[in-house]
Amino acid sequence: MKKILVSIIFGLFALSALADHDTTPGGVYFQNVPALCGTPEKIQAYLDHEDMAPFYLSLGREGMIPEGEAVYMMTIMVNPEMTESMSIIDVPSGTERCILYHTFDLTKVDKSE
């Protein structure tokens, strides 16, 4: 399980090889991403301070396929005014949580137009 955790963290935050070495569909690549990490209790205290509540939950699965084993959970948080959002990643070990982003000026897209 520890290998899966390390793979996920490094996969999310590591800089990949040059584009000509990509093996992903569409030539996408990993990039360094700043994240705020800590114990689940400390991250929850931060979320409480920012007045954020869960809005969506989803599972990240091994191999990025629907049939893969669940290896992490994403929680999309929003504030009461629906003007800010945060993305939280949790792994099954439960020893660490990370906030991947905190955005502002959240706007709902009207698909009827």
PDB file of N, CA and C in Angstrom:
ATOM      1  N   MET A   1       0.817  -1.190   0.000  1.00  0.00           N
ATOM      2  CA  MET A   1       0.000   0.000   0.000  1.00  0.00           C
ATOM      3  C   MET A   1       0.867   1.263   0.000  1.00  0.00           C
ATOM      4  N   LYS A   2       1.974   1.171   0.720  1.00  0.00           N
ATOM      5  CA  LYS A   2       2.873   2.327   0.781  1.00  0.00           C
ATOM      6  C   LYS A   2       3.430   2.650  -0.605  1.00  0.00           C
ATOM      7  N   LYS A   3       3.696   1.607  -1.419  1.00  0.00           N
ATOM      8  CA  LYS A   3       4.196   1.834  -2.772  1.00  0.00           C
ATOM      9  C   LYS A   3       3.165   2.562  -3.619  1.00  0.00           C
ATOM     10  N   ILE A   4       1.896   2.208  -3.443  1.00  0.00           N
ATOM     11  CA  ILE A   4       0.829   2.883  -4.191  1.00  0.00           C
ATOM     12  C   ILE A   4       0.765   4.349  -3.796  1.00  0.00           C
ATOM     13  N   LEU A   5       0.832   4.635  -2.491  1.00  0.00           N
ATOM     14  CA  LEU A   5       0.798   6.009  -1.996  1.00  0.00           C
ATOM     15  C   LEU A   5       1.956   6.815  -2.577  1.00  0.00           C
ATOM     16  N   VAL A   6       3.152   6.242  -2.512  1.00  0.00           N
ATOM     17  CA  VAL A   6       4.320   6.948  -3.034  1.00  0.00           C
ATOM     18  C   VAL A   6       4.166   7.177  -4.534  1.00  0.00           C
ATOM     19  N   SER A   7       3.670   6.169  -5.251  1.00  0.00           N
ATOM     20  CA  SER A   7       3.470   6.319  -6.697  1.00  0.00           C
ATOM     21  C   SER A   7       2.482   7.421  -7.014  1.00  0.00           C
ATOM     22  N   ILE A   8       1.387   7.481  -6.257  1.00  0.00           N
ATOM     23  CA  ILE A   8       0.374   8.516  -6.504  1.00  0.00           C
ATOM     24  C   ILE A   8       0.949   9.899  -6.246  1.00  0.00           C
ATOM     25  N   ILE A   9       1.575  10.074  -5.105  1.00  0.00           N
ATOM     26  CA  ILE A   9       2.123  11.390  -4.755  1.00  0.00           C
ATOM     27  C   ILE A   9       3.163  11.823  -5.788  1.00  0.00           C
ATOM     28  N   PHE A  10       4.111  10.940  -6.109  1.00  0.00           N
ATOM     29  CA  PHE A  10       5.109  11.310  -7.088  1.00  0.00           C
ATOM     30  C   PHE A  10       4.506  11.492  -8.474  1.00  0.00           C
ATOM     31  N   GLY A  11       3.511  10.680  -8.808  1.00  0.00           N
ATOM     32  CA  GLY A  11       2.867  10.818 -10.108  1.00  0.00           C
ATOM     33  C   GLY A  11       2.145  12.145 -10.251  1.00  0.00           C
ATOM     34  N   LEU A  12       1.535  12.595  -9.152  1.00  0.00           N
ATOM     35  CA  LEU A  12       0.810  13.865  -9.191  1.00  0.00           C
ATOM     36  C   LEU A  12       1.737  15.071  -9.212  1.00  0.00           C
ATOM     37  N   PHE A  13       2.872  14.963  -8.537  1.00  0.00           N
ATOM     38  CA  PHE A  13       3.688  16.145  -8.325  1.00  0.00           C
ATOM     39  C   PHE A  13       5.047  16.130  -9.026  1.00  0.00           C
ATOM     40  N   ALA A  14       5.390  15.050  -9.677  1.00  0.00           N
ATOM     41  CA  ALA A  14       6.715  14.961 -10.306  1.00  0.00           C
ATOM     42  C   ALA A  14       6.694  15.528 -11.714  1.00  0.00           C
ATOM     43  N   LEU A  15       7.829  16.045 -12.126  1.00  0.00           N
ATOM     44  CA  LEU A  15       7.978  16.531 -13.497  1.00  0.00           C
ATOM     45  C   LEU A  15       8.386  15.352 -14.367  1.00  0.00           C
ATOM     46  N   SER A  16       7.611  15.106 -15.413  1.00  0.00           N
ATOM     47  CA  SER A  16       7.887  13.943 -16.265  1.00  0.00           C
ATOM     48  C   SER A  16       8.985  14.246 -17.271  1.00  0.00           C
ATOM     49  N   ALA A  17       9.305  13.245 -18.068  1.00  0.00           N
ATOM     50  CA  ALA A  17      10.309  13.389 -19.119  1.00  0.00           C
ATOM     51  C   ALA A  17       9.827  14.370 -20.176  1.00  0.00           C
ATOM     52  N   LEU A  18      10.696  14.735 -21.081  1.00  0.00           N
ATOM     53  CA  LEU A  18      10.335  15.660 -22.151  1.00  0.00           C
ATOM     54  C   LEU A  18       9.179  15.106 -22.972  1.00  0.00           C
ATOM     55  N   ALA A  19       8.452  15.981 -23.649  1.00  0.00           N
ATOM     56  CA  ALA A  19       7.254  15.603 -24.393  1.00  0.00           C
ATOM     57  C   ALA A  19       7.509  14.515 -25.429  1.00  0.00           C
ATOM     58  N   ASP A  20       8.691  14.467 -26.025  1.00  0.00           N
ATOM     59  CA  ASP A  20       8.934  13.451 -27.041  1.00  0.00           C
ATOM     60  C   ASP A  20       9.066  12.050 -26.451  1.00  0.00           C
ATOM     61  N   HIS A  21       9.086  11.941 -25.125  1.00  0.00           N
ATOM     62  CA  HIS A  21       9.133  10.649 -24.456  1.00  0.00           C
ATOM     63  C   HIS A  21       7.791  10.278 -23.834  1.00  0.00           C
ATOM     64  N   ASP A  22       6.763  11.074 -24.079  1.00  0.00           N
ATOM     65  CA  ASP A  22       5.457  10.811 -23.478  1.00  0.00           C
ATOM     66  C   ASP A  22       4.897   9.484 -23.960  1.00  0.00           C
ATOM     67  N   THR A  23       4.223   8.800 -23.045  1.00  0.00           N
ATOM     68  CA  THR A  23       3.528   7.570 -23.403  1.00  0.00           C
ATOM     69  C   THR A  23       2.040   7.704 -23.107  1.00  0.00           C
ATOM     70  N   THR A  24       1.587   8.886 -22.767  1.00  0.00           N
ATOM     71  CA  THR A  24       0.182   9.099 -22.441  1.00  0.00           C
ATOM     72  C   THR A  24      -0.590   9.528 -23.683  1.00  0.00           C
ATOM     73  N   PRO A  25      -1.878   9.173 -23.738  1.00  0.00           N
ATOM     74  CA  PRO A  25      -2.686   9.614 -24.889  1.00  0.00           C
ATOM     75  C   PRO A  25      -2.716  11.140 -24.960  1.00  0.00           C
ATOM     76  N   GLY A  26      -2.556  11.666 -26.138  1.00  0.00           N
ATOM     77  CA  GLY A  26      -2.633  13.111 -26.327  1.00  0.00           C
ATOM     78  C   GLY A  26      -1.373  13.851 -25.967  1.00  0.00           C
ATOM     79  N   GLY A  27      -0.329  13.160 -25.548  1.00  0.00           N
ATOM     80  CA  GLY A  27       0.931  13.820 -25.229  1.00  0.00           C
ATOM     81  C   GLY A  27       0.887  14.678 -23.973  1.00  0.00           C
ATOM     82  N   VAL A  28       0.019  14.364 -23.017  1.00  0.00           N
ATOM     83  CA  VAL A  28      -0.031  15.133 -21.770  1.00  0.00           C
ATOM     84  C   VAL A  28       1.140  14.733 -20.881  1.00  0.00           C
ATOM     85  N   TYR A  29       1.461  15.565 -19.923  1.00  0.00           N
ATOM     86  CA  TYR A  29       2.610  15.307 -19.065  1.00  0.00           C
ATOM     87  C   TYR A  29       2.339  15.815 -17.654  1.00  0.00           C
ATOM     88  N   PHE A  30       3.108  15.292 -16.701  1.00  0.00           N
ATOM     89  CA  PHE A  30       3.000  15.727 -15.313  1.00  0.00           C
ATOM     90  C   PHE A  30       3.781  17.020 -15.122  1.00  0.00           C
ATOM     91  N   GLN A  31       3.350  17.816 -14.161  1.00  0.00           N
ATOM     92  CA  GLN A  31       3.971  19.101 -13.867  1.00  0.00           C
ATOM     93  C   GLN A  31       4.085  19.230 -12.354  1.00  0.00           C
ATOM     94  N   ASN A  32       5.039  19.998 -11.889  1.00  0.00           N
ATOM     95  CA  ASN A  32       5.125  20.264 -10.456  1.00  0.00           C
ATOM     96  C   ASN A  32       3.900  21.064 -10.030  1.00  0.00           C
ATOM     97  N   VAL A  33       3.249  20.611  -8.982  1.00  0.00           N
ATOM     98  CA  VAL A  33       2.044  21.276  -8.492  1.00  0.00           C
ATOM     99  C   VAL A  33       2.233  21.581  -7.014  1.00  0.00           C
ATOM    100  N   PRO A  34       2.068  22.825  -6.604  1.00  0.00           N
ATOM    101  CA  PRO A  34       2.167  23.111  -5.171  1.00  0.00           C
ATOM    102  C   PRO A  34       0.949  22.548  -4.454  1.00  0.00           C
ATOM    103  N   ALA A  35       1.163  21.985  -3.296  1.00  0.00           N
ATOM    104  CA  ALA A  35       0.065  21.422  -2.505  1.00  0.00           C
ATOM    105  C   ALA A  35       0.319  21.721  -1.035  1.00  0.00           C
ATOM    106  N   LEU A  36      -0.762  21.816  -0.276  1.00  0.00           N
ATOM    107  CA  LEU A  36      -0.692  22.042   1.163  1.00  0.00           C
ATOM    108  C   LEU A  36      -1.068  20.729   1.825  1.00  0.00           C
ATOM    109  N   CYS A  37      -0.134  20.094   2.526  1.00  0.00           N
ATOM    110  CA  CYS A  37      -0.368  18.774   3.100  1.00  0.00           C
ATOM    111  C   CYS A  37      -0.189  18.792   4.609  1.00  0.00           C
ATOM    112  N   GLY A  38      -0.826  17.830   5.257  1.00  0.00           N
ATOM    113  CA  GLY A  38      -0.697  17.686   6.698  1.00  0.00           C
ATOM    114  C   GLY A  38      -1.506  16.496   7.176  1.00  0.00           C
ATOM    115  N   THR A  39      -1.565  16.342   8.478  1.00  0.00           N
ATOM    116  CA  THR A  39      -2.380  15.262   9.029  1.00  0.00           C
ATOM    117  C   THR A  39      -3.847  15.552   8.710  1.00  0.00           C
ATOM    118  N   PRO A  40      -4.677  14.511   8.672  1.00  0.00           N
ATOM    119  CA  PRO A  40      -6.103  14.757   8.420  1.00  0.00           C
ATOM    120  C   PRO A  40      -6.709  15.776   9.389  1.00  0.00           C
ATOM    121  N   GLU A  41      -6.298  15.734  10.638  1.00  0.00           N
ATOM    122  CA  GLU A  41      -6.843  16.669  11.636  1.00  0.00           C
ATOM    123  C   GLU A  41      -6.434  18.115  11.348  1.00  0.00           C
ATOM    124  N   LYS A  42      -5.191  18.304  10.966  1.00  0.00           N
ATOM    125  CA  LYS A  42      -4.730  19.670  10.680  1.00  0.00           C
ATOM    126  C   LYS A  42      -5.358  20.216   9.407  1.00  0.00           C
ATOM    127  N   ILE A  43      -5.509  19.371   8.386  1.00  0.00           N
ATOM    128  CA  ILE A  43      -6.171  19.822   7.162  1.00  0.00           C
ATOM    129  C   ILE A  43      -7.633  20.139   7.458  1.00  0.00           C
ATOM    130  N   GLN A  44      -8.294  19.312   8.288  1.00  0.00           N
ATOM    131  CA  GLN A  44      -9.691  19.587   8.635  1.00  0.00           C
ATOM    132  C   GLN A  44      -9.816  20.909   9.386  1.00  0.00           C
ATOM    133  N   ALA A  45      -8.883  21.200  10.280  1.00  0.00           N
ATOM    134  CA  ALA A  45      -8.898  22.483  10.987  1.00  0.00           C
ATOM    135  C   ALA A  45      -8.770  23.640  10.004  1.00  0.00           C
ATOM    136  N   TYR A  46      -7.912  23.483   8.997  1.00  0.00           N
ATOM    137  CA  TYR A  46      -7.755  24.512   7.968  1.00  0.00           C
ATOM    138  C   TYR A  46      -9.060  24.686   7.184  1.00  0.00           C
ATOM    139  N   LEU A  47      -9.682  23.565   6.800  1.00  0.00           N
ATOM    140  CA  LEU A  47     -10.953  23.623   6.065  1.00  0.00           C
ATOM    141  C   LEU A  47     -12.038  24.291   6.900  1.00  0.00           C
ATOM    142  N   ASP A  48     -12.091  23.958   8.187  1.00  0.00           N
ATOM    143  CA  ASP A  48     -13.075  24.583   9.080  1.00  0.00           C
ATOM    144  C   ASP A  48     -12.836  26.087   9.178  1.00  0.00           C
ATOM    145  N   HIS A  49     -11.573  26.480   9.300  1.00  0.00           N
ATOM    146  CA  HIS A  49     -11.224  27.899   9.374  1.00  0.00           C
ATOM    147  C   HIS A  49     -11.657  28.644   8.104  1.00  0.00           C
ATOM    148  N   GLU A  50     -11.502  27.986   6.955  1.00  0.00           N
ATOM    149  CA  GLU A  50     -11.881  28.586   5.671  1.00  0.00           C
ATOM    150  C   GLU A  50     -13.365  28.411   5.359  1.00  0.00           C
ATOM    151  N   ASP A  51     -14.111  27.725   6.241  1.00  0.00           N
ATOM    152  CA  ASP A  51     -15.551  27.505   6.097  1.00  0.00           C
ATOM    153  C   ASP A  51     -15.891  26.738   4.815  1.00  0.00           C
ATOM    154  N   MET A  52     -15.130  25.680   4.559  1.00  0.00           N
ATOM    155  CA  MET A  52     -15.333  24.862   3.369  1.00  0.00           C
ATOM    156  C   MET A  52     -16.079  23.583   3.744  1.00  0.00           C
ATOM    157  N   ALA A  53     -16.972  23.126   2.850  1.00  0.00           N
ATOM    158  CA  ALA A  53     -17.744  21.911   3.068  1.00  0.00           C
ATOM    159  C   ALA A  53     -17.699  21.050   1.809  1.00  0.00           C
ATOM    160  N   PRO A  54     -17.804  19.724   1.962  1.00  0.00           N
ATOM    161  CA  PRO A  54     -17.765  18.840   0.785  1.00  0.00           C
ATOM    162  C   PRO A  54     -18.908  19.120  -0.176  1.00  0.00           C
ATOM    163  N   PHE A  55     -18.598  19.084  -1.468  1.00  0.00           N
ATOM    164  CA  PHE A  55     -19.589  19.282  -2.516  1.00  0.00           C
ATOM    165  C   PHE A  55     -19.663  18.058  -3.422  1.00  0.00           C
ATOM    166  N   TYR A  56     -18.497  17.526  -3.804  1.00  0.00           N
ATOM    167  CA  TYR A  56     -18.406  16.308  -4.610  1.00  0.00           C
ATOM    168  C   TYR A  56     -17.373  15.381  -3.995  1.00  0.00           C
ATOM    169  N   LEU A  57     -17.608  14.080  -4.096  1.00  0.00           N
ATOM    170  CA  LEU A  57     -16.635  13.058  -3.729  1.00  0.00           C
ATOM    171  C   LEU A  57     -16.450  12.144  -4.938  1.00  0.00           C
ATOM    172  N   SER A  58     -15.222  11.728  -5.202  1.00  0.00           N
ATOM    173  CA  SER A  58     -14.987  10.768  -6.279  1.00  0.00           C
ATOM    174  C   SER A  58     -13.737   9.960  -5.957  1.00  0.00           C
ATOM    175  N   LEU A  59     -13.644   8.777  -6.582  1.00  0.00           N
ATOM    176  CA  LEU A  59     -12.515   7.889  -6.349  1.00  0.00           C
ATOM    177  C   LEU A  59     -11.563   7.904  -7.526  1.00  0.00           C
ATOM    178  N   GLY A  60     -10.281   7.974  -7.217  1.00  0.00           N
ATOM    179  CA  GLY A  60      -9.248   7.773  -8.224  1.00  0.00           C
ATOM    180  C   GLY A  60      -8.919   6.298  -8.243  1.00  0.00           C
ATOM    181  N   ARG A  61      -8.897   5.714  -9.425  1.00  0.00           N
ATOM    182  CA  ARG A  61      -8.704   4.269  -9.536  1.00  0.00           C
ATOM    183  C   ARG A  61      -7.409   3.941 -10.268  1.00  0.00           C
ATOM    184  N   GLU A  62      -6.816   2.842  -9.862  1.00  0.00           N
ATOM    185  CA  GLU A  62      -5.561   2.381 -10.451  1.00  0.00           C
ATOM    186  C   GLU A  62      -5.700   2.245 -11.960  1.00  0.00           C
ATOM    187  N   GLY A  63      -4.711   2.743 -12.686  1.00  0.00           N
ATOM    188  CA  GLY A  63      -4.711   2.682 -14.132  1.00  0.00           C
ATOM    189  C   GLY A  63      -5.638   3.689 -14.787  1.00  0.00           C
ATOM    190  N   MET A  64      -6.243   4.567 -13.989  1.00  0.00           N
ATOM    191  CA  MET A  64      -7.198   5.566 -14.497  1.00  0.00           C
ATOM    192  C   MET A  64      -8.311   4.918 -15.305  1.00  0.00           C
ATOM    193  N   ILE A  65      -8.778   3.747 -14.835  1.00  0.00           N
ATOM    194  CA  ILE A  65      -9.881   3.054 -15.497  1.00  0.00           C
ATOM    195  C   ILE A  65     -10.968   2.768 -14.466  1.00  0.00           C
ATOM    196  N   PRO A  66     -12.245   2.764 -14.886  1.00  0.00           N
ATOM    197  CA  PRO A  66     -13.353   2.569 -13.946  1.00  0.00           C
ATOM    198  C   PRO A  66     -13.285   1.259 -13.164  1.00  0.00           C
ATOM    199  N   GLU A  67     -12.651   0.222 -13.723  1.00  0.00           N
ATOM    200  CA  GLU A  67     -12.581  -1.071 -13.062  1.00  0.00           C
ATOM    201  C   GLU A  67     -11.385  -1.194 -12.118  1.00  0.00           C
ATOM    202  N   GLY A  68     -10.491  -0.200 -12.121  1.00  0.00           N
ATOM    203  CA  GLY A  68      -9.287  -0.265 -11.288  1.00  0.00           C
ATOM    204  C   GLY A  68      -9.600  -0.186  -9.810  1.00  0.00           C
ATOM    205  N   GLU A  69      -8.646  -0.660  -9.004  1.00  0.00           N
ATOM    206  CA  GLU A  69      -8.790  -0.594  -7.553  1.00  0.00           C
ATOM    207  C   GLU A  69      -8.762   0.872  -7.104  1.00  0.00           C
ATOM    208  N   ALA A  70      -9.624   1.224  -6.147  1.00  0.00           N
ATOM    209  CA  ALA A  70      -9.629   2.592  -5.610  1.00  0.00           C
ATOM    210  C   ALA A  70      -8.323   2.834  -4.865  1.00  0.00           C
ATOM    211  N   VAL A  71      -7.603   3.901  -5.258  1.00  0.00           N
ATOM    212  CA  VAL A  71      -6.318   4.195  -4.633  1.00  0.00           C
ATOM    213  C   VAL A  71      -6.276   5.561  -3.948  1.00  0.00           C
ATOM    214  N   TYR A  72      -7.236   6.412  -4.228  1.00  0.00           N
ATOM    215  CA  TYR A  72      -7.341   7.674  -3.511  1.00  0.00           C
ATOM    216  C   TYR A  72      -8.752   8.225  -3.673  1.00  0.00           C
ATOM    217  N   MET A  73      -9.090   9.198  -2.837  1.00  0.00           N
ATOM    218  CA  MET A  73     -10.389   9.853  -2.927  1.00  0.00           C
ATOM    219  C   MET A  73     -10.177  11.350  -3.088  1.00  0.00           C
ATOM    220  N   MET A  74     -10.929  11.952  -3.986  1.00  0.00           N
ATOM    221  CA  MET A  74     -10.908  13.401  -4.171  1.00  0.00           C
ATOM    222  C   MET A  74     -12.184  13.973  -3.571  1.00  0.00           C
ATOM    223  N   THR A  75     -12.040  15.051  -2.844  1.00  0.00           N
ATOM    224  CA  THR A  75     -13.181  15.781  -2.308  1.00  0.00           C
ATOM    225  C   THR A  75     -13.091  17.206  -2.820  1.00  0.00           C
ATOM    226  N   ILE A  76     -14.138  17.646  -3.482  1.00  0.00           N
ATOM    227  CA  ILE A  76     -14.215  19.032  -3.927  1.00  0.00           C
ATOM    228  C   ILE A  76     -15.021  19.768  -2.863  1.00  0.00           C
ATOM    229  N   MET A  77     -14.402  20.778  -2.291  1.00  0.00           N
ATOM    230  CA  MET A  77     -15.012  21.561  -1.218  1.00  0.00           C
ATOM    231  C   MET A  77     -15.426  22.925  -1.767  1.00  0.00           C
ATOM    232  N   VAL A  78     -16.471  23.496  -1.203  1.00  0.00           N
ATOM    233  CA  VAL A  78     -16.889  24.856  -1.557  1.00  0.00           C
ATOM    234  C   VAL A  78     -17.246  25.612  -0.294  1.00  0.00           C
ATOM    235  N   ASN A  79     -17.211  26.934  -0.385  1.00  0.00           N
ATOM    236  CA  ASN A  79     -17.644  27.763   0.742  1.00  0.00           C
ATOM    237  C   ASN A  79     -19.163  27.979   0.631  1.00  0.00           C
ATOM    238  N   PRO A  80     -19.811  28.475   1.680  1.00  0.00           N
ATOM    239  CA  PRO A  80     -21.275  28.638   1.660  1.00  0.00           C
ATOM    240  C   PRO A  80     -21.781  29.541   0.532  1.00  0.00           C
ATOM    241  N   GLU A  81     -20.999  30.523   0.134  1.00  0.00           N
ATOM    242  CA  GLU A  81     -21.424  31.443  -0.925  1.00  0.00           C
ATOM    243  C   GLU A  81     -21.191  30.866  -2.325  1.00  0.00           C
ATOM    244  N   MET A  82     -20.554  29.689  -2.394  1.00  0.00           N
ATOM    245  CA  MET A  82     -20.220  29.039  -3.674  1.00  0.00           C
ATOM    246  C   MET A  82     -19.330  29.943  -4.544  1.00  0.00           C
ATOM    247  N   THR A  83     -18.399  30.648  -3.909  1.00  0.00           N
ATOM    248  CA  THR A  83     -17.480  31.525  -4.638  1.00  0.00           C
ATOM    249  C   THR A  83     -16.032  31.035  -4.576  1.00  0.00           C
ATOM    250  N   GLU A  84     -15.771  30.005  -3.755  1.00  0.00           N
ATOM    251  CA  GLU A  84     -14.435  29.443  -3.615  1.00  0.00           C
ATOM    252  C   GLU A  84     -14.531  27.922  -3.678  1.00  0.00           C
ATOM    253  N   SER A  85     -13.446  27.283  -4.130  1.00  0.00           N
ATOM    254  CA  SER A  85     -13.406  25.825  -4.133  1.00  0.00           C
ATOM    255  C   SER A  85     -12.016  25.341  -3.744  1.00  0.00           C
ATOM    256  N   MET A  86     -11.969  24.124  -3.208  1.00  0.00           N
ATOM    257  CA  MET A  86     -10.717  23.450  -2.874  1.00  0.00           C
ATOM    258  C   MET A  86     -10.844  22.001  -3.293  1.00  0.00           C
ATOM    259  N   SER A  87      -9.720  21.412  -3.660  1.00  0.00           N
ATOM    260  CA  SER A  87      -9.664  19.999  -3.985  1.00  0.00           C
ATOM    261  C   SER A  87      -8.763  19.318  -2.961  1.00  0.00           C
ATOM    262  N   ILE A  88      -9.297  18.278  -2.314  1.00  0.00           N
ATOM    263  CA  ILE A  88      -8.569  17.560  -1.274  1.00  0.00           C
ATOM    264  C   ILE A  88      -8.341  16.129  -1.741  1.00  0.00           C
ATOM    265  N   ILE A  89      -7.118  15.619  -1.577  1.00  0.00           N
ATOM    266  CA  ILE A  89      -6.828  14.227  -1.900  1.00  0.00           C
ATOM    267  C   ILE A  89      -6.539  13.465  -0.610  1.00  0.00           C
ATOM    268  N   ASP A  90      -7.199  12.302  -0.483  1.00  0.00           N
ATOM    269  CA  ASP A  90      -6.993  11.397   0.647  1.00  0.00           C
ATOM    270  C   ASP A  90      -6.567  10.045   0.095  1.00  0.00           C
ATOM    271  N   VAL A  91      -5.640   9.404   0.778  1.00  0.00           N
ATOM    272  CA  VAL A  91      -5.221   8.059   0.401  1.00  0.00           C
ATOM    273  C   VAL A  91      -5.655   7.088   1.497  1.00  0.00           C
ATOM    274  N   PRO A  92      -5.811   5.801   1.156  1.00  0.00           N
ATOM    275  CA  PRO A  92      -6.345   4.843   2.129  1.00  0.00           C
ATOM    276  C   PRO A  92      -5.585   4.752   3.445  1.00  0.00           C
ATOM    277  N   SER A  93      -4.296   5.022   3.472  1.00  0.00           N
ATOM    278  CA  SER A  93      -3.547   4.921   4.735  1.00  0.00           C
ATOM    279  C   SER A  93      -4.055   5.917   5.765  1.00  0.00           C
ATOM    280  N   GLY A  94      -4.582   7.065   5.296  1.00  0.00           N
ATOM    281  CA  GLY A  94      -5.152   8.055   6.203  1.00  0.00           C
ATOM    282  C   GLY A  94      -4.163   8.826   7.031  1.00  0.00           C
ATOM    283  N   THR A  95      -2.871   8.743   6.736  1.00  0.00           N
ATOM    284  CA  THR A  95      -1.876   9.452   7.543  1.00  0.00           C
ATOM    285  C   THR A  95      -1.622  10.870   7.063  1.00  0.00           C
ATOM    286  N   GLU A  96      -2.079  11.201   5.854  1.00  0.00           N
ATOM    287  CA  GLU A  96      -1.829  12.522   5.289  1.00  0.00           C
ATOM    288  C   GLU A  96      -2.952  12.884   4.324  1.00  0.00           C
ATOM    289  N   ARG A  97      -3.281  14.171   4.301  1.00  0.00           N
ATOM    290  CA  ARG A  97      -4.227  14.728   3.327  1.00  0.00           C
ATOM    291  C   ARG A  97      -3.534  15.906   2.671  1.00  0.00           C
ATOM    292  N   CYS A  98      -3.938  16.208   1.428  1.00  0.00           N
ATOM    293  CA  CYS A  98      -3.350  17.350   0.744  1.00  0.00           C
ATOM    294  C   CYS A  98      -4.437  18.177   0.066  1.00  0.00           C
ATOM    295  N   ILE A  99      -4.283  19.492   0.139  1.00  0.00           N
ATOM    296  CA  ILE A  99      -5.118  20.422  -0.608  1.00  0.00           C
ATOM    297  C   ILE A  99      -4.350  20.717  -1.897  1.00  0.00           C
ATOM    298  N   LEU A 100      -4.951  20.347  -3.022  1.00  0.00           N
ATOM    299  CA  LEU A 100      -4.267  20.535  -4.303  1.00  0.00           C
ATOM    300  C   LEU A 100      -4.475  21.926  -4.866  1.00  0.00           C
ATOM    301  N   TYR A 101      -5.623  22.540  -4.566  1.00  0.00           N
ATOM    302  CA  TYR A 101      -5.842  23.914  -5.004  1.00  0.00           C
ATOM    303  C   TYR A 101      -6.891  24.588  -4.142  1.00  0.00           C
ATOM    304  N   HIS A 102      -6.837  25.874  -4.105  1.00  0.00           N
ATOM    305  CA  HIS A 102      -7.853  26.738  -3.485  1.00  0.00           C
ATOM    306  C   HIS A 102      -8.100  27.838  -4.499  1.00  0.00           C
ATOM    307  N   THR A 103      -9.279  27.814  -5.113  1.00  0.00           N
ATOM    308  CA  THR A 103      -9.587  28.798  -6.148  1.00  0.00           C
ATOM    309  C   THR A 103     -10.652  29.777  -5.681  1.00  0.00           C
ATOM    310  N   PHE A 104     -10.710  30.899  -6.351  1.00  0.00           N
ATOM    311  CA  PHE A 104     -11.638  31.974  -6.023  1.00  0.00           C
ATOM    312  C   PHE A 104     -12.439  32.348  -7.271  1.00  0.00           C
ATOM    313  N   ASP A 105     -13.473  33.168  -7.088  1.00  0.00           N
ATOM    314  CA  ASP A 105     -14.326  33.619  -8.207  1.00  0.00           C
ATOM    315  C   ASP A 105     -14.971  32.436  -8.932  1.00  0.00           C
ATOM    316  N   LEU A 106     -15.432  31.449  -8.161  1.00  0.00           N
ATOM    317  CA  LEU A 106     -16.080  30.272  -8.728  1.00  0.00           C
ATOM    318  C   LEU A 106     -17.334  30.688  -9.476  1.00  0.00           C
ATOM    319  N   THR A 107     -17.469  30.205 -10.688  1.00  0.00           N
ATOM    320  CA  THR A 107     -18.590  30.578 -11.543  1.00  0.00           C
ATOM    321  C   THR A 107     -19.189  29.316 -12.138  1.00  0.00           C
ATOM    322  N   LYS A 108     -20.497  29.175 -12.073  1.00  0.00           N
ATOM    323  CA  LYS A 108     -21.178  28.040 -12.678  1.00  0.00           C
ATOM    324  C   LYS A 108     -21.360  28.325 -14.168  1.00  0.00           C
ATOM    325  N   VAL A 109     -21.037  27.330 -14.987  1.00  0.00           N
ATOM    326  CA  VAL A 109     -21.185  27.471 -16.431  1.00  0.00           C
ATOM    327  C   VAL A 109     -22.614  27.111 -16.808  1.00  0.00           C
ATOM    328  N   ASP A 110     -23.277  27.997 -17.528  1.00  0.00           N
ATOM    329  CA  ASP A 110     -24.642  27.763 -17.983  1.00  0.00           C
ATOM    330  C   ASP A 110     -24.576  27.013 -19.295  1.00  0.00           C
ATOM    331  N   LYS A 111     -24.967  25.737 -19.286  1.00  0.00           N
ATOM    332  CA  LYS A 111     -24.878  24.904 -20.492  1.00  0.00           C
ATOM    333  C   LYS A 111     -26.079  25.096 -21.421  1.00  0.00           C
ATOM    334  N   SER A 112     -27.053  25.884 -21.007  1.00  0.00           N
ATOM    335  CA  SER A 112     -28.233  26.063 -21.843  1.00  0.00           C
ATOM    336  C   SER A 112     -28.002  27.035 -22.994  1.00  0.00           C
ATOM    337  N   GLU A 113     -26.943  27.784 -22.943  1.00  0.00           N
ATOM    338  CA  GLU A 113     -26.674  28.788 -23.995  1.00  0.00           C
ATOM    339  C   GLU A 113     -25.918  28.200 -25.142  1.00  0.00           C
TER     340      GLU A 113
END
